[in-house]
C-alpha cells in the first residue's frame, strides 16, 4: 500500500490445468472496499516440472519481487 492508499498484489498460480505463472491485481483507494481489479498475467510459464528438486520453471523470475 502506498501513501495514497492504493494497493498492488502479486502472486503465483498453478494447478493441473494452469501452467505456473505470475499474476497481479490492485485497487485504488477510491475503489469500492473489498474489491480488487482485473487479474493480469505478467509471466506465463511454459509448463510444469515434475520430479525435480529445482525451484520450478519460474525460478528465473524470482528477482521480480524479492
PDB file of N, CA and C in Angstrom:
ATOM      1  N   UNK A   1       0.852  -1.163   0.000  1.00  0.00           N
ATOM      2  CA  UNK A   1       0.000   0.000   0.000  1.00  0.00           C
ATOM      3  C   UNK A   1       0.904   1.235   0.000  1.00  0.00           C
ATOM      4  N   UNK A   2       0.535   2.189  -0.848  1.00  0.00           N
ATOM      5  CA  UNK A   2       1.317   3.426  -0.879  1.00  0.00           C
ATOM      6  C   UNK A   2       0.671   4.497   0.005  1.00  0.00           C
ATOM      7  N   UNK A   3       1.247   5.682   0.017  1.00  0.00           N
ATOM      8  CA  UNK A   3       0.762   6.758   0.881  1.00  0.00           C
ATOM      9  C   UNK A   3      -0.665   7.188   0.551  1.00  0.00           C
ATOM     10  N   UNK A   4      -1.078   6.973  -0.715  1.00  0.00           N
ATOM     11  CA  UNK A   4      -2.430   7.354  -1.131  1.00  0.00           C
ATOM     12  C   UNK A   4      -3.472   6.297  -0.770  1.00  0.00           C
ATOM     13  N   UNK A   5      -3.016   5.106  -0.348  1.00  0.00           N
ATOM     14  CA  UNK A   5      -3.941   4.030  -0.026  1.00  0.00           C
ATOM     15  C   UNK A   5      -4.183   3.075  -1.173  1.00  0.00           C
ATOM     16  N   UNK A   6      -3.451   3.242  -2.289  1.00  0.00           N
ATOM     17  CA  UNK A   6      -3.563   2.319  -3.413  1.00  0.00           C
ATOM     18  C   UNK A   6      -2.820   1.031  -3.062  1.00  0.00           C
ATOM     19  N   UNK A   7      -3.337  -0.111  -3.535  1.00  0.00           N
ATOM     20  CA  UNK A   7      -2.765  -1.413  -3.194  1.00  0.00           C
ATOM     21  C   UNK A   7      -2.454  -2.196  -4.461  1.00  0.00           C
ATOM     22  N   UNK A   8      -1.304  -2.877  -4.481  1.00  0.00           N
ATOM     23  CA  UNK A   8      -0.950  -3.804  -5.548  1.00  0.00           C
ATOM     24  C   UNK A   8      -0.671  -5.158  -4.909  1.00  0.00           C
ATOM     25  N   UNK A   9      -1.057  -6.229  -5.583  1.00  0.00           N
ATOM     26  CA  UNK A   9      -0.877  -7.573  -5.064  1.00  0.00           C
ATOM     27  C   UNK A   9      -0.362  -8.467  -6.175  1.00  0.00           C
ATOM     28  N   UNK A  10       0.790  -9.074  -5.978  1.00  0.00           N
ATOM     29  CA  UNK A  10       1.350 -10.011  -6.944  1.00  0.00           C
ATOM     30  C   UNK A  10       1.367 -11.401  -6.345  1.00  0.00           C
ATOM     31  N   UNK A  11       1.147 -12.424  -7.175  1.00  0.00           N
ATOM     32  CA  UNK A  11       1.081 -13.790  -6.669  1.00  0.00           C
ATOM     33  C   UNK A  11       1.345 -14.781  -7.790  1.00  0.00           C
ATOM     34  N   UNK A  12       1.637 -16.003  -7.433  1.00  0.00           N
ATOM     35  CA  UNK A  12       1.852 -17.050  -8.420  1.00  0.00           C
ATOM     36  C   UNK A  12       0.667 -18.005  -8.419  1.00  0.00           C
ATOM     37  N   UNK A  13       0.402 -18.599  -9.560  1.00  0.00           N
ATOM     38  CA  UNK A  13      -0.683 -19.567  -9.695  1.00  0.00           C
ATOM     39  C   UNK A  13      -0.182 -20.789 -10.448  1.00  0.00           C
ATOM     40  N   UNK A  14      -0.758 -21.929 -10.142  1.00  0.00           N
ATOM     41  CA  UNK A  14      -0.502 -23.152 -10.900  1.00  0.00           C
ATOM     42  C   UNK A  14      -1.474 -24.221 -10.431  1.00  0.00           C
ATOM     43  N   UNK A  15      -1.754 -25.149 -11.305  1.00  0.00           N
ATOM     44  CA  UNK A  15      -2.591 -26.297 -10.979  1.00  0.00           C
ATOM     45  C   UNK A  15      -2.385 -27.322 -12.089  1.00  0.00           C
ATOM     46  N   UNK A  16      -3.118 -28.412 -12.022  1.00  0.00           N
ATOM     47  CA  UNK A  16      -3.009 -29.411 -13.082  1.00  0.00           C
ATOM     48  C   UNK A  16      -3.536 -28.874 -14.412  1.00  0.00           C
ATOM     49  N   UNK A  17      -4.359 -27.812 -14.364  1.00  0.00           N
ATOM     50  CA  UNK A  17      -4.924 -27.232 -15.580  1.00  0.00           C
ATOM     51  C   UNK A  17      -4.285 -25.903 -15.969  1.00  0.00           C
ATOM     52  N   UNK A  18      -3.476 -25.302 -15.072  1.00  0.00           N
ATOM     53  CA  UNK A  18      -2.876 -23.986 -15.318  1.00  0.00           C
ATOM     54  C   UNK A  18      -1.355 -24.093 -15.173  1.00  0.00           C
ATOM     55  N   UNK A  19      -0.621 -23.751 -16.233  1.00  0.00           N
ATOM     56  CA  UNK A  19       0.831 -23.713 -16.139  1.00  0.00           C
ATOM     57  C   UNK A  19       1.226 -22.646 -15.132  1.00  0.00           C
ATOM     58  N   UNK A  20       2.324 -22.851 -14.405  1.00  0.00           N
ATOM     59  CA  UNK A  20       2.747 -21.855 -13.418  1.00  0.00           C
ATOM     60  C   UNK A  20       2.911 -20.475 -14.053  1.00  0.00           C
ATOM     61  N   UNK A  21       2.431 -19.457 -13.389  1.00  0.00           N
ATOM     62  CA  UNK A  21       2.575 -18.100 -13.899  1.00  0.00           C
ATOM     63  C   UNK A  21       2.513 -17.096 -12.753  1.00  0.00           C
ATOM     64  N   UNK A  22       2.927 -15.871 -13.048  1.00  0.00           N
ATOM     65  CA  UNK A  22       2.891 -14.780 -12.083  1.00  0.00           C
ATOM     66  C   UNK A  22       1.785 -13.827 -12.517  1.00  0.00           C
ATOM     67  N   UNK A  23       0.931 -13.464 -11.581  1.00  0.00           N
ATOM     68  CA  UNK A  23      -0.183 -12.561 -11.873  1.00  0.00           C
ATOM     69  C   UNK A  23      -0.200 -11.420 -10.869  1.00  0.00           C
ATOM     70  N   UNK A  24      -0.922 -10.357 -11.218  1.00  0.00           N
ATOM     71  CA  UNK A  24      -1.077  -9.248 -10.272  1.00  0.00           C
ATOM     72  C   UNK A  24      -2.439  -8.604 -10.428  1.00  0.00           C
ATOM     73  N   UNK A  25      -2.826  -7.888  -9.405  1.00  0.00           N
ATOM     74  CA  UNK A  25      -4.063  -7.120  -9.386  1.00  0.00           C
ATOM     75  C   UNK A  25      -3.844  -5.928  -8.453  1.00  0.00           C
ATOM     76  N   UNK A  26      -4.805  -5.070  -8.356  1.00  0.00           N
ATOM     77  CA  UNK A  26      -4.665  -3.923  -7.472  1.00  0.00           C
ATOM     78  C   UNK A  26      -5.954  -3.136  -7.373  1.00  0.00           C
ATOM     79  N   UNK A  27      -5.896  -2.109  -6.557  1.00  0.00           N
ATOM     80  CA  UNK A  27      -7.055  -1.226  -6.420  1.00  0.00           C
ATOM     81  C   UNK A  27      -6.574   0.138  -5.966  1.00  0.00           C
ATOM     82  N   UNK A  28      -7.329   1.138  -6.358  1.00  0.00           N
ATOM     83  CA  UNK A  28      -7.076   2.499  -5.898  1.00  0.00           C
ATOM     84  C   UNK A  28      -7.810   2.726  -4.586  1.00  0.00           C
ATOM     85  N   UNK A  29      -7.361   3.669  -3.821  1.00  0.00           N
ATOM     86  CA  UNK A  29      -8.018   3.982  -2.549  1.00  0.00           C
ATOM     87  C   UNK A  29      -9.483   4.370  -2.768  1.00  0.00           C
ATOM     88  N   UNK A  30      -9.787   4.922  -3.933  1.00  0.00           N
ATOM     89  CA  UNK A  30     -11.153   5.363  -4.224  1.00  0.00           C
ATOM     90  C   UNK A  30     -12.060   4.231  -4.720  1.00  0.00           C
ATOM     91  N   UNK A  31     -11.507   3.035  -4.978  1.00  0.00           N
ATOM     92  CA  UNK A  31     -12.322   1.896  -5.423  1.00  0.00           C
ATOM     93  C   UNK A  31     -13.175   1.377  -4.267  1.00  0.00           C
ATOM     94  N   UNK A  32     -14.256   0.661  -4.586  1.00  0.00           N
ATOM     95  CA  UNK A  32     -15.103   0.106  -3.524  1.00  0.00           C
ATOM     96  C   UNK A  32     -14.307  -0.806  -2.589  1.00  0.00           C
ATOM     97  N   UNK A  33     -14.634  -0.770  -1.317  1.00  0.00           N
ATOM     98  CA  UNK A  33     -13.979  -1.605  -0.317  1.00  0.00           C
ATOM     99  C   UNK A  33     -14.213  -3.078  -0.642  1.00  0.00           C
ATOM    100  N   UNK A  34     -13.250  -3.932  -0.315  1.00  0.00           N
ATOM    101  CA  UNK A  34     -13.329  -5.389  -0.508  1.00  0.00           C
ATOM    102  C   UNK A  34     -13.375  -5.799  -1.966  1.00  0.00           C
ATOM    103  N   UNK A  35     -12.811  -4.984  -2.852  1.00  0.00           N
ATOM    104  CA  UNK A  35     -12.736  -5.352  -4.264  1.00  0.00           C
ATOM    105  C   UNK A  35     -11.299  -5.203  -4.740  1.00  0.00           C
ATOM    106  N   UNK A  36     -10.940  -5.973  -5.755  1.00  0.00           N
ATOM    107  CA  UNK A  36      -9.649  -5.844  -6.425  1.00  0.00           C
ATOM    108  C   UNK A  36      -9.938  -5.724  -7.914  1.00  0.00           C
ATOM    109  N   UNK A  37      -8.976  -5.192  -8.650  1.00  0.00           N
ATOM    110  CA  UNK A  37      -9.150  -5.020 -10.082  1.00  0.00           C
ATOM    111  C   UNK A  37      -9.015  -6.329 -10.840  1.00  0.00           C
ATOM    112  N   UNK A  38      -9.054  -6.233 -12.141  1.00  0.00           N
ATOM    113  CA  UNK A  38      -8.924  -7.394 -13.014  1.00  0.00           C
ATOM    114  C   UNK A  38      -7.554  -8.034 -12.843  1.00  0.00           C
ATOM    115  N   UNK A  39      -7.532  -9.351 -12.785  1.00  0.00           N
ATOM    116  CA  UNK A  39      -6.293 -10.108 -12.659  1.00  0.00           C
ATOM    117  C   UNK A  39      -5.540 -10.070 -13.982  1.00  0.00           C
ATOM    118  N   UNK A  40      -4.233  -9.770 -13.928  1.00  0.00           N
ATOM    119  CA  UNK A  40      -3.410  -9.683 -15.131  1.00  0.00           C
ATOM    120  C   UNK A  40      -2.246 -10.651 -15.003  1.00  0.00           C
ATOM    121  N   UNK A  41      -2.003 -11.446 -16.048  1.00  0.00           N
ATOM    122  CA  UNK A  41      -0.896 -12.392 -16.061  1.00  0.00           C
ATOM    123  C   UNK A  41       0.318 -11.719 -16.683  1.00  0.00           C
ATOM    124  N   UNK A  42       1.420 -11.623 -15.934  1.00  0.00           N
ATOM    125  CA  UNK A  42       2.615 -10.942 -16.427  1.00  0.00           C
ATOM    126  C   UNK A  42       3.658 -11.906 -16.956  1.00  0.00           C
ATOM    127  N   UNK A  43       3.790 -13.065 -16.334  1.00  0.00           N
ATOM    128  CA  UNK A  43       4.769 -14.058 -16.754  1.00  0.00           C
ATOM    129  C   UNK A  43       4.062 -15.401 -16.826  1.00  0.00           C
ATOM    130  N   UNK A  44       3.853 -15.894 -18.034  1.00  0.00           N
ATOM    131  CA  UNK A  44       3.203 -17.189 -18.204  1.00  0.00           C
ATOM    132  C   UNK A  44       4.262 -18.265 -18.347  1.00  0.00           C
ATOM    133  N   UNK A  45       4.165 -19.299 -17.509  1.00  0.00           N
ATOM    134  CA  UNK A  45       5.108 -20.408 -17.586  1.00  0.00           C
ATOM    135  C   UNK A  45       4.853 -21.266 -18.809  1.00  0.00           C
ATOM    136  N   UNK A  46       5.861 -22.026 -19.189  1.00  0.00           N
ATOM    137  CA  UNK A  46       5.751 -22.883 -20.370  1.00  0.00           C
ATOM    138  C   UNK A  46       5.343 -24.296 -20.074  1.00  0.00           C
ATOM    139  N   UNK A  47       5.167 -24.637 -18.824  1.00  0.00           N
ATOM    140  CA  UNK A  47       4.788 -25.996 -18.453  1.00  0.00           C
ATOM    141  C   UNK A  47       5.167 -26.260 -17.017  1.00  0.00           C
ATOM    142  N   UNK A  48       4.900 -27.461 -16.576  1.00  0.00           N
ATOM    143  CA  UNK A  48       5.214 -27.834 -15.205  1.00  0.00           C
ATOM    144  C   UNK A  48       6.476 -28.668 -15.169  1.00  0.00           C
ATOM    145  N   UNK A  49       7.075 -28.751 -14.006  1.00  0.00           N
ATOM    146  CA  UNK A  49       8.289 -29.529 -13.821  1.00  0.00           C
ATOM    147  C   UNK A  49       8.011 -30.536 -12.718  1.00  0.00           C
ATOM    148  N   UNK A  50       8.096 -31.807 -13.048  1.00  0.00           N
ATOM    149  CA  UNK A  50       7.799 -32.863 -12.088  1.00  0.00           C
ATOM    150  C   UNK A  50       9.054 -33.639 -11.724  1.00  0.00           C
ATOM    151  N   UNK A  51       9.121 -34.126 -10.492  1.00  0.00           N
ATOM    152  CA  UNK A  51      10.199 -34.996 -10.069  1.00  0.00           C
ATOM    153  C   UNK A  51      11.557 -34.342 -10.015  1.00  0.00           C
ATOM    154  N   UNK A  52      11.620 -33.075  -9.693  1.00  0.00           N
ATOM    155  CA  UNK A  52      12.889 -32.365  -9.650  1.00  0.00           C
ATOM    156  C   UNK A  52      13.016 -31.633  -8.330  1.00  0.00           C
ATOM    157  N   UNK A  53      14.244 -31.338  -7.931  1.00  0.00           N
ATOM    158  CA  UNK A  53      14.461 -30.586  -6.702  1.00  0.00           C
ATOM    159  C   UNK A  53      14.707 -29.111  -6.968  1.00  0.00           C
ATOM    160  N   UNK A  54      14.558 -28.664  -8.219  1.00  0.00           N
ATOM    161  CA  UNK A  54      14.773 -27.244  -8.514  1.00  0.00           C
ATOM    162  C   UNK A  54      13.595 -26.423  -8.020  1.00  0.00           C
ATOM    163  N   UNK A  55      13.691 -25.112  -8.173  1.00  0.00           N
ATOM    164  CA  UNK A  55      12.624 -24.220  -7.737  1.00  0.00           C
ATOM    165  C   UNK A  55      11.502 -24.096  -8.750  1.00  0.00           C
ATOM    166  N   UNK A  56      11.556 -24.833  -9.827  1.00  0.00           N
ATOM    167  CA  UNK A  56      10.487 -24.816 -10.819  1.00  0.00           C
ATOM    168  C   UNK A  56      10.776 -23.863 -11.955  1.00  0.00           C
ATOM    169  N   UNK A  57       9.884 -23.847 -12.948  1.00  0.00           N
ATOM    170  CA  UNK A  57      10.127 -23.083 -14.170  1.00  0.00           C
ATOM    171  C   UNK A  57      10.147 -21.571 -13.990  1.00  0.00           C
ATOM    172  N   UNK A  58       9.647 -21.046 -12.881  1.00  0.00           N
ATOM    173  CA  UNK A  58       9.627 -19.604 -12.684  1.00  0.00           C
ATOM    174  C   UNK A  58      10.775 -19.113 -11.808  1.00  0.00           C
ATOM    175  N   UNK A  59      11.694 -19.993 -11.424  1.00  0.00           N
ATOM    176  CA  UNK A  59      12.767 -19.572 -10.529  1.00  0.00           C
ATOM    177  C   UNK A  59      13.617 -18.474 -11.137  1.00  0.00           C
ATOM    178  N   UNK A  60      13.708 -18.400 -12.467  1.00  0.00           N
ATOM    179  CA  UNK A  60      14.486 -17.352 -13.097  1.00  0.00           C
ATOM    180  C   UNK A  60      13.850 -15.968 -12.930  1.00  0.00           C
ATOM    181  N   UNK A  61      12.576 -15.911 -12.540  1.00  0.00           N
ATOM    182  CA  UNK A  61      11.858 -14.640 -12.379  1.00  0.00           C
ATOM    183  C   UNK A  61      11.848 -14.174 -10.927  1.00  0.00           C
ATOM    184  N   UNK A  62      12.534 -14.869 -10.051  1.00  0.00           N
ATOM    185  CA  UNK A  62      12.467 -14.571  -8.634  1.00  0.00           C
ATOM    186  C   UNK A  62      12.912 -13.138  -8.296  1.00  0.00           C
ATOM    187  N   UNK A  63      13.686 -12.519  -9.168  1.00  0.00           N
ATOM    188  CA  UNK A  63      14.143 -11.177  -8.880  1.00  0.00           C
ATOM    189  C   UNK A  63      13.069 -10.116  -9.136  1.00  0.00           C
ATOM    190  N   UNK A  64      11.918 -10.492  -9.685  1.00  0.00           N
ATOM    191  CA  UNK A  64      10.839  -9.533  -9.911  1.00  0.00           C
ATOM    192  C   UNK A  64      10.357  -8.950  -8.587  1.00  0.00           C
ATOM    193  N   UNK A  65      10.131  -9.828  -7.624  1.00  0.00           N
ATOM    194  CA  UNK A  65       9.631  -9.394  -6.320  1.00  0.00           C
ATOM    195  C   UNK A  65      10.471 -10.050  -5.229  1.00  0.00           C
ATOM    196  N   UNK A  66      11.597  -9.454  -4.900  1.00  0.00           N
ATOM    197  CA  UNK A  66      12.487 -10.096  -3.919  1.00  0.00           C
ATOM    198  C   UNK A  66      11.865 -10.184  -2.545  1.00  0.00           C
TER     199      UNK A  66
END
